[in-house]
Amino acid sequence: MANRTEYKNQWMKENRDTKLLTLPKGRKAEIQAAADAIGESLNDFICKAIDERMERLERK
């Protein structure tokens, strides 16, 4: 099992960037509910929201 965990940790390190997101108490549940309502994961919902805002900034 340790090898599997090590493999997953190494894969994440090589293929993903991570950032801790700190939200006001209760906000995560609100965002999770919005993501659930459209069948998305919390991570996908947040990433798409960031992408949309970045696109709007690029058009300015």
C-alpha atoms as a PDB file:
ATOM      1  CA  MET A   1       0.000   0.000   0.000  1.00  0.00           C
ATOM      2  CA  ALA A   2       2.866   2.371   0.745  1.00  0.00           C
ATOM      3  CA  ASN A   3       4.123   2.019  -2.831  1.00  0.00           C
ATOM      4  CA  ARG A   4       0.706   2.933  -4.203  1.00  0.00           C
ATOM      5  CA  THR A   5       0.518   6.021  -1.977  1.00  0.00           C
ATOM      6  CA  GLU A   6       4.043   7.009  -2.931  1.00  0.00           C
ATOM      7  CA  TYR A   7       3.164   6.605  -6.616  1.00  0.00           C
ATOM      8  CA  LYS A   8       0.030   8.755  -6.278  1.00  0.00           C
ATOM      9  CA  ASN A   9       1.924  11.425  -4.326  1.00  0.00           C
ATOM     10  CA  GLN A  10       4.686  11.490  -6.935  1.00  0.00           C
ATOM     11  CA  TRP A  11       2.151  11.701  -9.785  1.00  0.00           C
ATOM     12  CA  MET A  12       0.396  14.616  -8.080  1.00  0.00           C
ATOM     13  CA  LYS A  13       3.708  16.387  -7.537  1.00  0.00           C
ATOM     14  CA  GLU A  14       4.644  16.019 -11.208  1.00  0.00           C
ATOM     15  CA  ASN A  15       1.235  16.759 -12.756  1.00  0.00           C
ATOM     16  CA  ARG A  16      -0.692  19.112 -10.507  1.00  0.00           C
ATOM     17  CA  ASP A  17      -0.196  22.411  -8.715  1.00  0.00           C
ATOM     18  CA  THR A  18      -1.947  22.802  -5.395  1.00  0.00           C
ATOM     19  CA  LYS A  19      -3.083  25.833  -3.406  1.00  0.00           C
ATOM     20  CA  LEU A  20      -4.858  25.855  -0.086  1.00  0.00           C
ATOM     21  CA  LEU A  21      -8.092  27.820  -0.370  1.00  0.00           C
ATOM     22  CA  THR A  22      -9.346  29.509   2.786  1.00  0.00           C
ATOM     23  CA  LEU A  23     -13.016  30.502   2.847  1.00  0.00           C
ATOM     24  CA  PRO A  24     -15.304  32.085   5.425  1.00  0.00           C
ATOM     25  CA  LYS A  25     -17.125  29.515   7.546  1.00  0.00           C
ATOM     26  CA  GLY A  26     -20.082  28.048   5.630  1.00  0.00           C
ATOM     27  CA  ARG A  27     -18.955  29.287   2.196  1.00  0.00           C
ATOM     28  CA  LYS A  28     -17.549  25.910   1.165  1.00  0.00           C
ATOM     29  CA  ALA A  29     -20.946  24.302   1.709  1.00  0.00           C
ATOM     30  CA  GLU A  30     -22.609  26.973  -0.450  1.00  0.00           C
ATOM     31  CA  ILE A  31     -20.124  26.449  -3.274  1.00  0.00           C
ATOM     32  CA  GLN A  32     -20.393  22.666  -2.949  1.00  0.00           C
ATOM     33  CA  ALA A  33     -24.193  22.885  -3.225  1.00  0.00           C
ATOM     34  CA  ALA A  34     -23.896  24.997  -6.386  1.00  0.00           C
ATOM     35  CA  ALA A  35     -21.437  22.490  -7.880  1.00  0.00           C
ATOM     36  CA  ASP A  36     -23.672  19.546  -6.931  1.00  0.00           C
ATOM     37  CA  ALA A  37     -26.677  21.257  -8.532  1.00  0.00           C
ATOM     38  CA  ILE A  38     -24.946  21.187 -11.922  1.00  0.00           C
ATOM     39  CA  GLY A  39     -23.227  17.831 -11.463  1.00  0.00           C
ATOM     40  CA  GLU A  40     -19.675  19.113 -11.066  1.00  0.00           C
ATOM     41  CA  SER A  41     -17.022  18.453  -8.485  1.00  0.00           C
ATOM     42  CA  LEU A  42     -16.084  21.287  -6.166  1.00  0.00           C
ATOM     43  CA  ASN A  43     -12.652  21.474  -7.784  1.00  0.00           C
ATOM     44  CA  ASP A  44     -14.060  21.663 -11.323  1.00  0.00           C
ATOM     45  CA  PHE A  45     -16.565  24.328 -10.273  1.00  0.00           C
ATOM     46  CA  ILE A  46     -13.834  26.505  -8.745  1.00  0.00           C
ATOM     47  CA  CYS A  47     -11.448  26.009 -11.684  1.00  0.00           C
ATOM     48  CA  LYS A  48     -14.157  26.948 -14.198  1.00  0.00           C
ATOM     49  CA  ALA A  49     -15.067  30.044 -12.175  1.00  0.00           C
ATOM     50  CA  ILE A  50     -11.418  31.119 -12.205  1.00  0.00           C
ATOM     51  CA  ASP A  51     -11.152  30.436 -15.959  1.00  0.00           C
ATOM     52  CA  GLU A  52     -14.271  32.507 -16.674  1.00  0.00           C
ATOM     53  CA  ARG A  53     -12.978  35.449 -14.666  1.00  0.00           C
ATOM     54  CA  MET A  54      -9.569  35.287 -16.329  1.00  0.00           C
ATOM     55  CA  GLU A  55     -11.257  35.287 -19.760  1.00  0.00           C
ATOM     56  CA  ARG A  56     -13.234  38.415 -18.830  1.00  0.00           C
ATOM     57  CA  LEU A  57     -10.044  40.135 -17.693  1.00  0.00           C
ATOM     58  CA  GLU A  58      -8.294  39.255 -20.962  1.00  0.00           C
ATOM     59  CA  ARG A  59     -11.117  40.862 -22.984  1.00  0.00           C
ATOM     60  CA  LYS A  60     -10.667  44.210 -21.224  1.00  0.00           C
END
